[in-house]
mmCIF file of all heavy atoms, coordinates in Angstrom:
data_MODEL
# 
_entry.id   MODEL 
# 
loop_
_atom_site.group_PDB 
_atom_site.id 
_atom_site.type_symbol 
_atom_site.label_atom_id 
_atom_site.label_alt_id 
_atom_site.label_comp_id 
_atom_site.label_asym_id 
_atom_site.label_entity_id 
_atom_site.label_seq_id 
_atom_site.pdbx_PDB_ins_code 
_atom_site.Cartn_x 
_atom_site.Cartn_y 
_atom_site.Cartn_z 
_atom_site.occupancy 
_atom_site.B_iso_or_equiv 
_atom_site.pdbx_formal_charge 
_atom_site.auth_seq_id 
_atom_site.auth_comp_id 
_atom_site.auth_asym_id 
_atom_site.auth_atom_id 
_atom_site.pdbx_PDB_model_num 
ATOM 1   N N   . LEU A 1 1  ? -177.559 -12.112 -82.110 1.00 0.00 ? 1  LEU A N   1 
ATOM 2   C CA  . LEU A 1 1  ? -176.376 -11.499 -81.553 1.00 0.00 ? 1  LEU A CA  1 
ATOM 3   C C   . LEU A 1 1  ? -175.234 -12.526 -81.529 1.00 0.00 ? 1  LEU A C   1 
ATOM 4   O O   . LEU A 1 1  ? -175.463 -13.687 -81.269 1.00 0.00 ? 1  LEU A O   1 
ATOM 5   C CB  . LEU A 1 1  ? -176.632 -11.036 -80.109 1.00 0.00 ? 1  LEU A CB  1 
ATOM 6   C CG  . LEU A 1 1  ? -177.649 -9.917  -79.926 1.00 0.00 ? 1  LEU A CG  1 
ATOM 7   C CD1 . LEU A 1 1  ? -177.807 -9.614  -78.442 1.00 0.00 ? 1  LEU A CD1 1 
ATOM 8   C CD2 . LEU A 1 1  ? -177.277 -8.673  -80.690 1.00 0.00 ? 1  LEU A CD2 1 
ATOM 9   N N   . VAL A 1 2  ? -174.027 -12.070 -81.796 1.00 0.00 ? 2  VAL A N   1 
ATOM 10  C CA  . VAL A 1 2  ? -172.884 -12.930 -81.780 1.00 0.00 ? 2  VAL A CA  1 
ATOM 11  C C   . VAL A 1 2  ? -171.931 -12.441 -80.715 1.00 0.00 ? 2  VAL A C   1 
ATOM 12  O O   . VAL A 1 2  ? -171.535 -11.257 -80.676 1.00 0.00 ? 2  VAL A O   1 
ATOM 13  C CB  . VAL A 1 2  ? -172.123 -12.918 -83.154 1.00 0.00 ? 2  VAL A CB  1 
ATOM 14  C CG1 . VAL A 1 2  ? -170.934 -13.880 -83.114 1.00 0.00 ? 2  VAL A CG1 1 
ATOM 15  C CG2 . VAL A 1 2  ? -173.080 -13.307 -84.277 1.00 0.00 ? 2  VAL A CG2 1 
ATOM 16  N N   . ALA A 1 3  ? -171.555 -13.347 -79.780 1.00 0.00 ? 3  ALA A N   1 
ATOM 17  C CA  . ALA A 1 3  ? -170.653 -12.997 -78.696 1.00 0.00 ? 3  ALA A CA  1 
ATOM 18  C C   . ALA A 1 3  ? -169.524 -14.012 -78.601 1.00 0.00 ? 3  ALA A C   1 
ATOM 19  O O   . ALA A 1 3  ? -169.709 -15.176 -78.970 1.00 0.00 ? 3  ALA A O   1 
ATOM 20  C CB  . ALA A 1 3  ? -171.406 -12.948 -77.371 1.00 0.00 ? 3  ALA A CB  1 
ATOM 21  N N   . GLY A 1 4  ? -168.394 -13.563 -78.132 1.00 0.00 ? 4  GLY A N   1 
ATOM 22  C CA  . GLY A 1 4  ? -167.270 -14.481 -77.921 1.00 0.00 ? 4  GLY A CA  1 
ATOM 23  C C   . GLY A 1 4  ? -167.448 -15.321 -76.667 1.00 0.00 ? 4  GLY A C   1 
ATOM 24  O O   . GLY A 1 4  ? -167.942 -14.814 -75.657 1.00 0.00 ? 4  GLY A O   1 
ATOM 25  N N   . ARG A 1 5  ? -167.077 -16.581 -76.747 1.00 0.00 ? 5  ARG A N   1 
ATOM 26  C CA  . ARG A 1 5  ? -167.129 -17.445 -75.571 1.00 0.00 ? 5  ARG A CA  1 
ATOM 27  C C   . ARG A 1 5  ? -166.103 -17.000 -74.528 1.00 0.00 ? 5  ARG A C   1 
ATOM 28  O O   . ARG A 1 5  ? -166.340 -17.061 -73.339 1.00 0.00 ? 5  ARG A O   1 
ATOM 29  C CB  . ARG A 1 5  ? -166.912 -18.884 -75.980 1.00 0.00 ? 5  ARG A CB  1 
ATOM 30  C CG  . ARG A 1 5  ? -166.772 -19.860 -74.804 1.00 0.00 ? 5  ARG A CG  1 
ATOM 31  C CD  . ARG A 1 5  ? -168.052 -19.942 -74.027 1.00 0.00 ? 5  ARG A CD  1 
ATOM 32  N NE  . ARG A 1 5  ? -167.916 -20.785 -72.852 1.00 0.00 ? 5  ARG A NE  1 
ATOM 33  C CZ  . ARG A 1 5  ? -167.493 -20.356 -71.666 1.00 0.00 ? 5  ARG A CZ  1 
ATOM 34  N NH1 . ARG A 1 5  ? -167.152 -19.079 -71.515 1.00 0.00 ? 5  ARG A NH1 1 
ATOM 35  N NH2 . ARG A 1 5  ? -167.392 -21.165 -70.623 1.00 0.00 ? 5  ARG A NH2 1 
ATOM 36  N N   . HIS A 1 6  ? -164.961 -16.537 -75.023 1.00 0.00 ? 6  HIS A N   1 
ATOM 37  C CA  . HIS A 1 6  ? -163.907 -16.102 -74.111 1.00 0.00 ? 6  HIS A CA  1 
ATOM 38  C C   . HIS A 1 6  ? -163.357 -14.736 -74.489 1.00 0.00 ? 6  HIS A C   1 
ATOM 39  O O   . HIS A 1 6  ? -163.290 -13.821 -73.679 1.00 0.00 ? 6  HIS A O   1 
ATOM 40  C CB  . HIS A 1 6  ? -162.753 -17.087 -74.106 1.00 0.00 ? 6  HIS A CB  1 
ATOM 41  C CG  . HIS A 1 6  ? -163.134 -18.463 -73.650 1.00 0.00 ? 6  HIS A CG  1 
ATOM 42  N ND1 . HIS A 1 6  ? -163.486 -18.767 -72.372 1.00 0.00 ? 6  HIS A ND1 1 
ATOM 43  C CD2 . HIS A 1 6  ? -163.267 -19.628 -74.351 1.00 0.00 ? 6  HIS A CD2 1 
ATOM 44  C CE1 . HIS A 1 6  ? -163.786 -20.045 -72.255 1.00 0.00 ? 6  HIS A CE1 1 
ATOM 45  N NE2 . HIS A 1 6  ? -163.661 -20.592 -73.456 1.00 0.00 ? 6  HIS A NE2 1 
ATOM 46  N N   . TRP A 1 7  ? -162.962 -14.603 -75.752 1.00 0.00 ? 7  TRP A N   1 
ATOM 47  C CA  . TRP A 1 7  ? -162.049 -13.517 -76.128 1.00 0.00 ? 7  TRP A CA  1 
ATOM 48  C C   . TRP A 1 7  ? -162.756 -12.369 -76.810 1.00 0.00 ? 7  TRP A C   1 
ATOM 49  O O   . TRP A 1 7  ? -163.604 -12.555 -77.658 1.00 0.00 ? 7  TRP A O   1 
ATOM 50  C CB  . TRP A 1 7  ? -160.938 -14.058 -77.039 1.00 0.00 ? 7  TRP A CB  1 
ATOM 51  C CG  . TRP A 1 7  ? -160.230 -15.227 -76.410 1.00 0.00 ? 7  TRP A CG  1 
ATOM 52  C CD1 . TRP A 1 7  ? -160.426 -16.557 -76.667 1.00 0.00 ? 7  TRP A CD1 1 
ATOM 53  C CD2 . TRP A 1 7  ? -159.269 -15.154 -75.377 1.00 0.00 ? 7  TRP A CD2 1 
ATOM 54  N NE1 . TRP A 1 7  ? -159.623 -17.306 -75.850 1.00 0.00 ? 7  TRP A NE1 1 
ATOM 55  C CE2 . TRP A 1 7  ? -158.905 -16.487 -75.058 1.00 0.00 ? 7  TRP A CE2 1 
ATOM 56  C CE3 . TRP A 1 7  ? -158.657 -14.087 -74.682 1.00 0.00 ? 7  TRP A CE3 1 
ATOM 57  C CZ2 . TRP A 1 7  ? -157.940 -16.768 -74.068 1.00 0.00 ? 7  TRP A CZ2 1 
ATOM 58  C CZ3 . TRP A 1 7  ? -157.712 -14.399 -73.722 1.00 0.00 ? 7  TRP A CZ3 1 
ATOM 59  C CH2 . TRP A 1 7  ? -157.373 -15.709 -73.439 1.00 0.00 ? 7  TRP A CH2 1 
ATOM 60  N N   . GLY A 1 8  ? -162.374 -11.157 -76.406 1.00 0.00 ? 8  GLY A N   1 
ATOM 61  C CA  . GLY A 1 8  ? -162.922 -9.958  -76.999 1.00 0.00 ? 8  GLY A CA  1 
ATOM 62  C C   . GLY A 1 8  ? -161.820 -9.092  -77.554 1.00 0.00 ? 8  GLY A C   1 
ATOM 63  O O   . GLY A 1 8  ? -160.653 -9.485  -77.620 1.00 0.00 ? 8  GLY A O   1 
ATOM 64  N N   . GLY A 1 9  ? -162.207 -7.899  -77.970 1.00 0.00 ? 9  GLY A N   1 
ATOM 65  C CA  . GLY A 1 9  ? -161.247 -6.956  -78.541 1.00 0.00 ? 9  GLY A CA  1 
ATOM 66  C C   . GLY A 1 9  ? -161.800 -5.568  -78.549 1.00 0.00 ? 9  GLY A C   1 
ATOM 67  O O   . GLY A 1 9  ? -162.922 -5.290  -78.098 1.00 0.00 ? 9  GLY A O   1 
ATOM 68  N N   . PHE A 1 10 ? -161.042 -4.674  -79.130 1.00 0.00 ? 10 PHE A N   1 
ATOM 69  C CA  . PHE A 1 10 ? -161.332 -3.251  -79.176 1.00 0.00 ? 10 PHE A CA  1 
ATOM 70  C C   . PHE A 1 10 ? -162.732 -2.958  -79.745 1.00 0.00 ? 10 PHE A C   1 
ATOM 71  O O   . PHE A 1 10 ? -163.406 -2.028  -79.342 1.00 0.00 ? 10 PHE A O   1 
ATOM 72  C CB  . PHE A 1 10 ? -160.281 -2.594  -80.066 1.00 0.00 ? 10 PHE A CB  1 
ATOM 73  C CG  . PHE A 1 10 ? -160.325 -1.101  -80.132 1.00 0.00 ? 10 PHE A CG  1 
ATOM 74  C CD1 . PHE A 1 10 ? -160.061 -0.308  -79.044 1.00 0.00 ? 10 PHE A CD1 1 
ATOM 75  C CD2 . PHE A 1 10 ? -160.586 -0.458  -81.362 1.00 0.00 ? 10 PHE A CD2 1 
ATOM 76  C CE1 . PHE A 1 10 ? -160.072 1.069   -79.120 1.00 0.00 ? 10 PHE A CE1 1 
ATOM 77  C CE2 . PHE A 1 10 ? -160.599 0.920   -81.453 1.00 0.00 ? 10 PHE A CE2 1 
ATOM 78  C CZ  . PHE A 1 10 ? -160.334 1.672   -80.329 1.00 0.00 ? 10 PHE A CZ  1 
ATOM 79  N N   . GLN A 1 11 ? -163.160 -3.778  -80.672 1.00 0.00 ? 11 GLN A N   1 
ATOM 80  C CA  . GLN A 1 11 ? -164.402 -3.553  -81.425 1.00 0.00 ? 11 GLN A CA  1 
ATOM 81  C C   . GLN A 1 11 ? -165.611 -4.305  -80.855 1.00 0.00 ? 11 GLN A C   1 
ATOM 82  O O   . GLN A 1 11 ? -166.670 -4.338  -81.477 1.00 0.00 ? 11 GLN A O   1 
ATOM 83  C CB  . GLN A 1 11 ? -164.194 -3.972  -82.877 1.00 0.00 ? 11 GLN A CB  1 
ATOM 84  C CG  . GLN A 1 11 ? -163.881 -5.461  -83.102 1.00 0.00 ? 11 GLN A CG  1 
ATOM 85  C CD  . GLN A 1 11 ? -162.502 -5.871  -82.638 1.00 0.00 ? 11 GLN A CD  1 
ATOM 86  O OE1 . GLN A 1 11 ? -161.515 -5.170  -82.879 1.00 0.00 ? 11 GLN A OE1 1 
ATOM 87  N NE2 . GLN A 1 11 ? -162.413 -6.988  -81.980 1.00 0.00 ? 11 GLN A NE2 1 
ATOM 88  N N   . ASP A 1 12 ? -165.466 -4.924  -79.701 1.00 0.00 ? 12 ASP A N   1 
ATOM 89  C CA  . ASP A 1 12 ? -166.543 -5.716  -79.068 1.00 0.00 ? 12 ASP A CA  1 
ATOM 90  C C   . ASP A 1 12 ? -167.112 -4.982  -77.881 1.00 0.00 ? 12 ASP A C   1 
ATOM 91  O O   . ASP A 1 12 ? -166.426 -4.165  -77.244 1.00 0.00 ? 12 ASP A O   1 
ATOM 92  C CB  . ASP A 1 12 ? -166.018 -7.082  -78.636 1.00 0.00 ? 12 ASP A CB  1 
ATOM 93  C CG  . ASP A 1 12 ? -165.394 -7.858  -79.811 1.00 0.00 ? 12 ASP A CG  1 
ATOM 94  O OD1 . ASP A 1 12 ? -165.849 -7.631  -80.961 1.00 0.00 ? 12 ASP A OD1 1 
ATOM 95  O OD2 . ASP A 1 12 ? -164.521 -8.701  -79.577 1.00 0.00 ? 12 ASP A OD2 1 
ATOM 96  N N   . GLY A 1 13 ? -168.367 -5.295  -77.512 1.00 0.00 ? 13 GLY A N   1 
ATOM 97  C CA  . GLY A 1 13 ? -168.972 -4.537  -76.459 1.00 0.00 ? 13 GLY A CA  1 
ATOM 98  C C   . GLY A 1 13 ? -169.929 -5.274  -75.538 1.00 0.00 ? 13 GLY A C   1 
ATOM 99  O O   . GLY A 1 13 ? -169.924 -6.521  -75.493 1.00 0.00 ? 13 GLY A O   1 
ATOM 100 N N   . VAL A 1 14 ? -170.741 -4.516  -74.811 1.00 0.00 ? 14 VAL A N   1 
ATOM 101 C CA  . VAL A 1 14 ? -171.588 -5.006  -73.733 1.00 0.00 ? 14 VAL A CA  1 
ATOM 102 C C   . VAL A 1 14 ? -173.053 -4.686  -74.085 1.00 0.00 ? 14 VAL A C   1 
ATOM 103 O O   . VAL A 1 14 ? -173.377 -3.620  -74.632 1.00 0.00 ? 14 VAL A O   1 
ATOM 104 C CB  . VAL A 1 14 ? -171.229 -4.349  -72.393 1.00 0.00 ? 14 VAL A CB  1 
ATOM 105 C CG1 . VAL A 1 14 ? -172.223 -4.734  -71.302 1.00 0.00 ? 14 VAL A CG1 1 
ATOM 106 C CG2 . VAL A 1 14 ? -169.800 -4.700  -71.989 1.00 0.00 ? 14 VAL A CG2 1 
ATOM 107 N N   . ILE A 1 15 ? -173.951 -5.614  -73.792 1.00 0.00 ? 15 ILE A N   1 
ATOM 108 C CA  . ILE A 1 15 ? -175.410 -5.405  -73.842 1.00 0.00 ? 15 ILE A CA  1 
ATOM 109 C C   . ILE A 1 15 ? -176.027 -5.872  -72.551 1.00 0.00 ? 15 ILE A C   1 
ATOM 110 O O   . ILE A 1 15 ? -175.760 -7.007  -72.105 1.00 0.00 ? 15 ILE A O   1 
ATOM 111 C CB  . ILE A 1 15 ? -176.039 -6.149  -75.026 1.00 0.00 ? 15 ILE A CB  1 
ATOM 112 C CG1 . ILE A 1 15 ? -175.555 -5.604  -76.385 1.00 0.00 ? 15 ILE A CG1 1 
ATOM 113 C CG2 . ILE A 1 15 ? -177.582 -6.049  -74.958 1.00 0.00 ? 15 ILE A CG2 1 
ATOM 114 C CD1 . ILE A 1 15 ? -176.046 -6.390  -77.553 1.00 0.00 ? 15 ILE A CD1 1 
ATOM 115 N N   . ASP A 1 16 ? -176.825 -5.025  -71.917 1.00 0.00 ? 16 ASP A N   1 
ATOM 116 C CA  . ASP A 1 16 ? -177.652 -5.440  -70.782 1.00 0.00 ? 16 ASP A CA  1 
ATOM 117 C C   . ASP A 1 16 ? -179.094 -5.551  -71.221 1.00 0.00 ? 16 ASP A C   1 
ATOM 118 O O   . ASP A 1 16 ? -179.608 -4.687  -71.932 1.00 0.00 ? 16 ASP A O   1 
ATOM 119 C CB  . ASP A 1 16 ? -177.533 -4.413  -69.644 1.00 0.00 ? 16 ASP A CB  1 
ATOM 120 C CG  . ASP A 1 16 ? -176.338 -4.655  -68.755 1.00 0.00 ? 16 ASP A CG  1 
ATOM 121 O OD1 . ASP A 1 16 ? -175.501 -5.521  -69.080 1.00 0.00 ? 16 ASP A OD1 1 
ATOM 122 O OD2 . ASP A 1 16 ? -176.204 -3.905  -67.761 1.00 0.00 ? 16 ASP A OD2 1 
ATOM 123 N N   . MET A 1 17 ? -179.768 -6.603  -70.771 1.00 0.00 ? 17 MET A N   1 
ATOM 124 C CA  . MET A 1 17 ? -181.162 -6.844  -71.176 1.00 0.00 ? 17 MET A CA  1 
ATOM 125 C C   . MET A 1 17 ? -182.166 -6.232  -70.167 1.00 0.00 ? 17 MET A C   1 
ATOM 126 O O   . MET A 1 17 ? -183.359 -6.297  -70.408 1.00 0.00 ? 17 MET A O   1 
ATOM 127 C CB  . MET A 1 17 ? -181.424 -8.345  -71.344 1.00 0.00 ? 17 MET A CB  1 
ATOM 128 C CG  . MET A 1 17 ? -180.612 -8.978  -72.451 1.00 0.00 ? 17 MET A CG  1 
ATOM 129 S SD  . MET A 1 17 ? -180.804 -8.174  -74.059 1.00 0.00 ? 17 MET A SD  1 
ATOM 130 C CE  . MET A 1 17 ? -182.560 -8.318  -74.317 1.00 0.00 ? 17 MET A CE  1 
ATOM 131 N N   . SER A 1 18 ? -181.707 -5.671  -69.098 1.00 0.00 ? 18 SER A N   1 
ATOM 132 C CA  . SER A 1 18 ? -182.594 -5.040  -68.132 1.00 0.00 ? 18 SER A CA  1 
ATOM 133 C C   . SER A 1 18 ? -181.801 -4.043  -67.299 1.00 0.00 ? 18 SER A C   1 
ATOM 134 O O   . SER A 1 18 ? -180.560 -3.953  -67.423 1.00 0.00 ? 18 SER A O   1 
ATOM 135 C CB  . SER A 1 18 ? -183.242 -6.093  -67.205 1.00 0.00 ? 18 SER A CB  1 
ATOM 136 O OG  . SER A 1 18 ? -182.268 -6.777  -66.459 1.00 0.00 ? 18 SER A OG  1 
ATOM 137 N N   . GLY A 1 19 ? -182.516 -3.293  -66.426 1.00 0.00 ? 19 GLY A N   1 
ATOM 138 C CA  . GLY A 1 19 ? -181.846 -2.346  -65.548 1.00 0.00 ? 19 GLY A CA  1 
ATOM 139 C C   . GLY A 1 19 ? -181.372 -1.106  -66.273 1.00 0.00 ? 19 GLY A C   1 
ATOM 140 O O   . GLY A 1 19 ? -181.722 -0.819  -67.402 1.00 0.00 ? 19 GLY A O   1 
ATOM 141 N N   . GLU A 1 20 ? -180.545 -0.328  -65.584 1.00 0.00 ? 20 GLU A N   1 
ATOM 142 C CA  . GLU A 1 20 ? -180.051 0.922   -66.101 1.00 0.00 ? 20 GLU A CA  1 
ATOM 143 C C   . GLU A 1 20 ? -179.293 0.754   -67.417 1.00 0.00 ? 20 GLU A C   1 
ATOM 144 O O   . GLU A 1 20 ? -179.360 1.604   -68.322 1.00 0.00 ? 20 GLU A O   1 
ATOM 145 C CB  . GLU A 1 20 ? -179.118 1.574   -65.052 1.00 0.00 ? 20 GLU A CB  1 
ATOM 146 C CG  . GLU A 1 20 ? -178.412 2.847   -65.489 1.00 0.00 ? 20 GLU A CG  1 
ATOM 147 C CD  . GLU A 1 20 ? -179.344 4.045   -65.676 1.00 0.00 ? 20 GLU A CD  1 
ATOM 148 O OE1 . GLU A 1 20 ? -180.521 3.933   -65.279 1.00 0.00 ? 20 GLU A OE1 1 
ATOM 149 O OE2 . GLU A 1 20 ? -178.890 5.052   -66.239 1.00 0.00 ? 20 GLU A OE2 1 
ATOM 150 N N   . GLY A 1 21 ? -178.559 -0.332  -67.539 1.00 0.00 ? 21 GLY A N   1 
ATOM 151 C CA  . GLY A 1 21 ? -177.757 -0.540  -68.755 1.00 0.00 ? 21 GLY A CA  1 
ATOM 152 C C   . GLY A 1 21 ? -178.534 -0.832  -70.005 1.00 0.00 ? 21 GLY A C   1 
ATOM 153 O O   . GLY A 1 21 ? -178.020 -0.657  -71.101 1.00 0.00 ? 21 GLY A O   1 
ATOM 154 N N   . GLN A 1 22 ? -179.795 -1.259  -69.861 1.00 0.00 ? 22 GLN A N   1 
ATOM 155 C CA  . GLN A 1 22 ? -180.581 -1.656  -71.026 1.00 0.00 ? 22 GLN A CA  1 
ATOM 156 C C   . GLN A 1 22 ? -180.791 -0.495  -71.973 1.00 0.00 ? 22 GLN A C   1 
ATOM 157 O O   . GLN A 1 22 ? -180.825 -0.681  -73.208 1.00 0.00 ? 22 GLN A O   1 
ATOM 158 C CB  . GLN A 1 22 ? -181.945 -2.190  -70.544 1.00 0.00 ? 22 GLN A CB  1 
ATOM 159 C CG  . GLN A 1 22 ? -182.838 -2.693  -71.664 1.00 0.00 ? 22 GLN A CG  1 
ATOM 160 C CD  . GLN A 1 22 ? -184.218 -3.057  -71.186 1.00 0.00 ? 22 GLN A CD  1 
ATOM 161 O OE1 . GLN A 1 22 ? -184.676 -2.534  -70.169 1.00 0.00 ? 22 GLN A OE1 1 
ATOM 162 N NE2 . GLN A 1 22 ? -184.904 -3.940  -71.883 1.00 0.00 ? 22 GLN A NE2 1 
ATOM 163 N N   . LYS A 1 23 ? -180.888 0.713   -71.460 1.00 0.00 ? 23 LYS A N   1 
ATOM 164 C CA  . LYS A 1 23 ? -181.240 1.861   -72.283 1.00 0.00 ? 23 LYS A CA  1 
ATOM 165 C C   . LYS A 1 23 ? -180.098 2.331   -73.189 1.00 0.00 ? 23 LYS A C   1 
ATOM 166 O O   . LYS A 1 23 ? -180.309 3.121   -74.115 1.00 0.00 ? 23 LYS A O   1 
ATOM 167 C CB  . LYS A 1 23 ? -181.678 3.020   -71.414 1.00 0.00 ? 23 LYS A CB  1 
ATOM 168 C CG  . LYS A 1 23 ? -180.569 3.669   -70.599 1.00 0.00 ? 23 LYS A CG  1 
ATOM 169 C CD  . LYS A 1 23 ? -181.076 4.762   -69.698 1.00 0.00 ? 23 LYS A CD  1 
ATOM 170 C CE  . LYS A 1 23 ? -179.953 5.478   -68.945 1.00 0.00 ? 23 LYS A CE  1 
ATOM 171 N NZ  . LYS A 1 23 ? -180.461 6.492   -68.017 1.00 0.00 ? 23 LYS A NZ  1 
ATOM 172 N N   . TYR A 1 24 ? -178.881 1.842   -72.922 1.00 0.00 ? 24 TYR A N   1 
ATOM 173 C CA  . TYR A 1 24 ? -177.715 2.365   -73.652 1.00 0.00 ? 24 TYR A CA  1 
ATOM 174 C C   . TYR A 1 24 ? -177.506 1.750   -75.019 1.00 0.00 ? 24 TYR A C   1 
ATOM 175 O O   . TYR A 1 24 ? -176.665 2.212   -75.785 1.00 0.00 ? 24 TYR A O   1 
ATOM 176 C CB  . TYR A 1 24 ? -176.439 2.152   -72.800 1.00 0.00 ? 24 TYR A CB  1 
ATOM 177 C CG  . TYR A 1 24 ? -176.312 3.137   -71.659 1.00 0.00 ? 24 TYR A CG  1 
ATOM 178 C CD1 . TYR A 1 24 ? -176.752 2.805   -70.384 1.00 0.00 ? 24 TYR A CD1 1 
ATOM 179 C CD2 . TYR A 1 24 ? -175.763 4.386   -71.868 1.00 0.00 ? 24 TYR A CD2 1 
ATOM 180 C CE1 . TYR A 1 24 ? -176.628 3.710   -69.336 1.00 0.00 ? 24 TYR A CE1 1 
ATOM 181 C CE2 . TYR A 1 24 ? -175.627 5.307   -70.835 1.00 0.00 ? 24 TYR A CE2 1 
ATOM 182 C CZ  . TYR A 1 24 ? -176.067 4.949   -69.563 1.00 0.00 ? 24 TYR A CZ  1 
ATOM 183 O OH  . TYR A 1 24 ? -175.950 5.841   -68.522 1.00 0.00 ? 24 TYR A OH  1 
ATOM 184 N N   . THR A 1 25 ? -178.239 0.679   -75.333 1.00 0.00 ? 25 THR A N   1 
ATOM 185 C CA  . THR A 1 25 ? -178.067 0.054   -76.630 1.00 0.00 ? 25 THR A CA  1 
ATOM 186 C C   . THR A 1 25 ? -179.426 -0.442  -77.140 1.00 0.00 ? 25 THR A C   1 
ATOM 187 O O   . THR A 1 25 ? -180.243 -0.969  -76.353 1.00 0.00 ? 25 THR A O   1 
ATOM 188 C CB  . THR A 1 25 ? -177.059 -1.084  -76.615 1.00 0.00 ? 25 THR A CB  1 
ATOM 189 O OG1 . THR A 1 25 ? -177.096 -1.810  -77.862 1.00 0.00 ? 25 THR A OG1 1 
ATOM 190 C CG2 . THR A 1 25 ? -177.286 -2.044  -75.466 1.00 0.00 ? 25 THR A CG2 1 
ATOM 191 N N   . TYR A 1 26 ? -179.689 -0.268  -78.398 1.00 0.00 ? 26 TYR A N   1 
ATOM 192 C CA  . TYR A 1 26 ? -180.977 -0.639  -79.000 1.00 0.00 ? 26 TYR A CA  1 
ATOM 193 C C   . TYR A 1 26 ? -181.318 -2.099  -78.771 1.00 0.00 ? 26 TYR A C   1 
ATOM 194 O O   . TYR A 1 26 ? -182.470 -2.480  -78.626 1.00 0.00 ? 26 TYR A O   1 
ATOM 195 C CB  . TYR A 1 26 ? -180.899 -0.328  -80.503 1.00 0.00 ? 26 TYR A CB  1 
ATOM 196 C CG  . TYR A 1 26 ? -182.201 -0.504  -81.224 1.00 0.00 ? 26 TYR A CG  1 
ATOM 197 C CD1 . TYR A 1 26 ? -183.163 0.482   -81.185 1.00 0.00 ? 26 TYR A CD1 1 
ATOM 198 C CD2 . TYR A 1 26 ? -182.468 -1.653  -81.961 1.00 0.00 ? 26 TYR A CD2 1 
ATOM 199 C CE1 . TYR A 1 26 ? -184.379 0.325   -81.871 1.00 0.00 ? 26 TYR A CE1 1 
ATOM 200 C CE2 . TYR A 1 26 ? -183.657 -1.807  -82.646 1.00 0.00 ? 26 TYR A CE2 1 
ATOM 201 C CZ  . TYR A 1 26 ? -184.607 -0.815  -82.590 1.00 0.00 ? 26 TYR A CZ  1 
ATOM 202 O OH  . TYR A 1 26 ? -185.791 -0.972  -83.259 1.00 0.00 ? 26 TYR A OH  1 
ATOM 203 N N   . PHE A 1 27 ? -180.284 -2.928  -78.712 1.00 0.00 ? 27 PHE A N   1 
ATOM 204 C CA  . PHE A 1 27 ? -180.488 -4.394  -78.690 1.00 0.00 ? 27 PHE A CA  1 
ATOM 205 C C   . PHE A 1 27 ? -180.926 -4.901  -77.313 1.00 0.00 ? 27 PHE A C   1 
ATOM 206 O O   . PHE A 1 27 ? -181.380 -6.032  -77.189 1.00 0.00 ? 27 PHE A O   1 
ATOM 207 C CB  . PHE A 1 27 ? -179.224 -5.089  -79.177 1.00 0.00 ? 27 PHE A CB  1 
ATOM 208 C CG  . PHE A 1 27 ? -178.857 -4.626  -80.571 1.00 0.00 ? 27 PHE A CG  1 
ATOM 209 C CD1 . PHE A 1 27 ? -177.930 -3.636  -80.767 1.00 0.00 ? 27 PHE A CD1 1 
ATOM 210 C CD2 . PHE A 1 27 ? -179.527 -5.147  -81.659 1.00 0.00 ? 27 PHE A CD2 1 
ATOM 211 C CE1 . PHE A 1 27 ? -177.646 -3.170  -82.028 1.00 0.00 ? 27 PHE A CE1 1 
ATOM 212 C CE2 . PHE A 1 27 ? -179.240 -4.708  -82.945 1.00 0.00 ? 27 PHE A CE2 1 
ATOM 213 C CZ  . PHE A 1 27 ? -178.284 -3.719  -83.122 1.00 0.00 ? 27 PHE A CZ  1 
ATOM 214 N N   . GLY A 1 28 ? -180.835 -4.036  -76.309 1.00 0.00 ? 28 GLY A N   1 
ATOM 215 C CA  . GLY A 1 28 ? -181.392 -4.439  -75.005 1.00 0.00 ? 28 GLY A CA  1 
ATOM 216 C C   . GLY A 1 28 ? -182.900 -4.474  -75.012 1.00 0.00 ? 28 GLY A C   1 
ATOM 217 O O   . GLY A 1 28 ? -183.524 -5.075  -74.103 1.00 0.00 ? 28 GLY A O   1 
ATOM 218 N N   . GLY A 1 29 ? -183.530 -3.935  -76.034 1.00 0.00 ? 29 GLY A N   1 
ATOM 219 C CA  . GLY A 1 29 ? -184.989 -3.923  -76.123 1.00 0.00 ? 29 GLY A CA  1 
ATOM 220 C C   . GLY A 1 29 ? -185.553 -4.924  -77.123 1.00 0.00 ? 29 GLY A C   1 
ATOM 221 O O   . GLY A 1 29 ? -186.740 -4.939  -77.390 1.00 0.00 ? 29 GLY A O   1 
ATOM 222 N N   . LEU A 1 30 ? -184.677 -5.782  -77.704 1.00 0.00 ? 30 LEU A N   1 
ATOM 223 C CA  . LEU A 1 30 ? -185.115 -6.755  -78.671 1.00 0.00 ? 30 LEU A CA  1 
ATOM 224 C C   . LEU A 1 30 ? -185.137 -8.183  -78.099 1.00 0.00 ? 30 LEU A C   1 
ATOM 225 O O   . LEU A 1 30 ? -184.468 -8.457  -77.099 1.00 0.00 ? 30 LEU A O   1 
ATOM 226 C CB  . LEU A 1 30 ? -184.190 -6.746  -79.908 1.00 0.00 ? 30 LEU A CB  1 
ATOM 227 C CG  . LEU A 1 30 ? -184.123 -5.453  -80.701 1.00 0.00 ? 30 LEU A CG  1 
ATOM 228 C CD1 . LEU A 1 30 ? -183.162 -5.634  -81.900 1.00 0.00 ? 30 LEU A CD1 1 
ATOM 229 C CD2 . LEU A 1 30 ? -185.481 -5.013  -81.187 1.00 0.00 ? 30 LEU A CD2 1 
ATOM 230 N N   . ASN A 1 31 ? -185.897 -9.047  -78.743 1.00 0.00 ? 31 ASN A N   1 
ATOM 231 C CA  . ASN A 1 31 ? -185.817 -10.482 -78.467 1.00 0.00 ? 31 ASN A CA  1 
ATOM 232 C C   . ASN A 1 31 ? -184.639 -11.022 -79.249 1.00 0.00 ? 31 ASN A C   1 
ATOM 233 O O   . ASN A 1 31 ? -184.603 -10.973 -80.472 1.00 0.00 ? 31 ASN A O   1 
ATOM 234 C CB  . ASN A 1 31 ? -187.093 -11.168 -78.919 1.00 0.00 ? 31 ASN A CB  1 
ATOM 235 C CG  . ASN A 1 31 ? -188.300 -10.704 -78.127 1.00 0.00 ? 31 ASN A CG  1 
ATOM 236 O OD1 . ASN A 1 31 ? -188.382 -10.875 -76.924 1.00 0.00 ? 31 ASN A OD1 1 
ATOM 237 N ND2 . ASN A 1 31 ? -189.253 -10.075 -78.806 1.00 0.00 ? 31 ASN A ND2 1 
# 
């Protein structure tokens, strides 16, 4: 996964690795 240290934009997003948010993206279930 590639994430910005500071700056984001329209095309960037969020991943949660646990909890309710984990189910919203496939990558919350990967190593």
